[in-house]
Amino acid sequence: AAQEAADAAEASLLQRLRVAEGAAATAAAAERVAASRAATIEASVASAREAAAAAVAEVAELQGLLERERRGARALAAEKGAAEERLSATQARLERARSEAEAMKRDLTERLWDAEQRARN
């Protein structure tokens, strides 16, 4: 009877050992899966950081381009203003020249008419 109890206890212990070994194997497999997932997550985080750094660099580049475009637009606006002033001054000179030409034409026409009148008399 004592031997049967010892055999039963041994069988029970062997069964528990097998269960514990299975649990240990399952835990080791779960640990490997978790380590693999952690590596994947770390790689994803590294990739996201690289993408964020690239986006920050692109934003900085675009901001620089935008500022250059704004400076160019301001320069063009200033050039346009100066050109409009020159055009206005040129138009004013042209108008004065036309007025002077009309006055000269009237004066010459009057002189010609006077000369013709004197020649007839």
Foldseek 3Di string as FASTA:
>chain_A
DVVVVVVVVVVVVVVVVVVVVVVVVVVVVVVVVVVVVVVVVVVVVVVVVVVVVVVVVVVVVVVVVVVVVVVVVVVVVVVVVVVVVVVVVVVVVVVVVVVVVVVVVVVVVVVVVVVVVVVVD
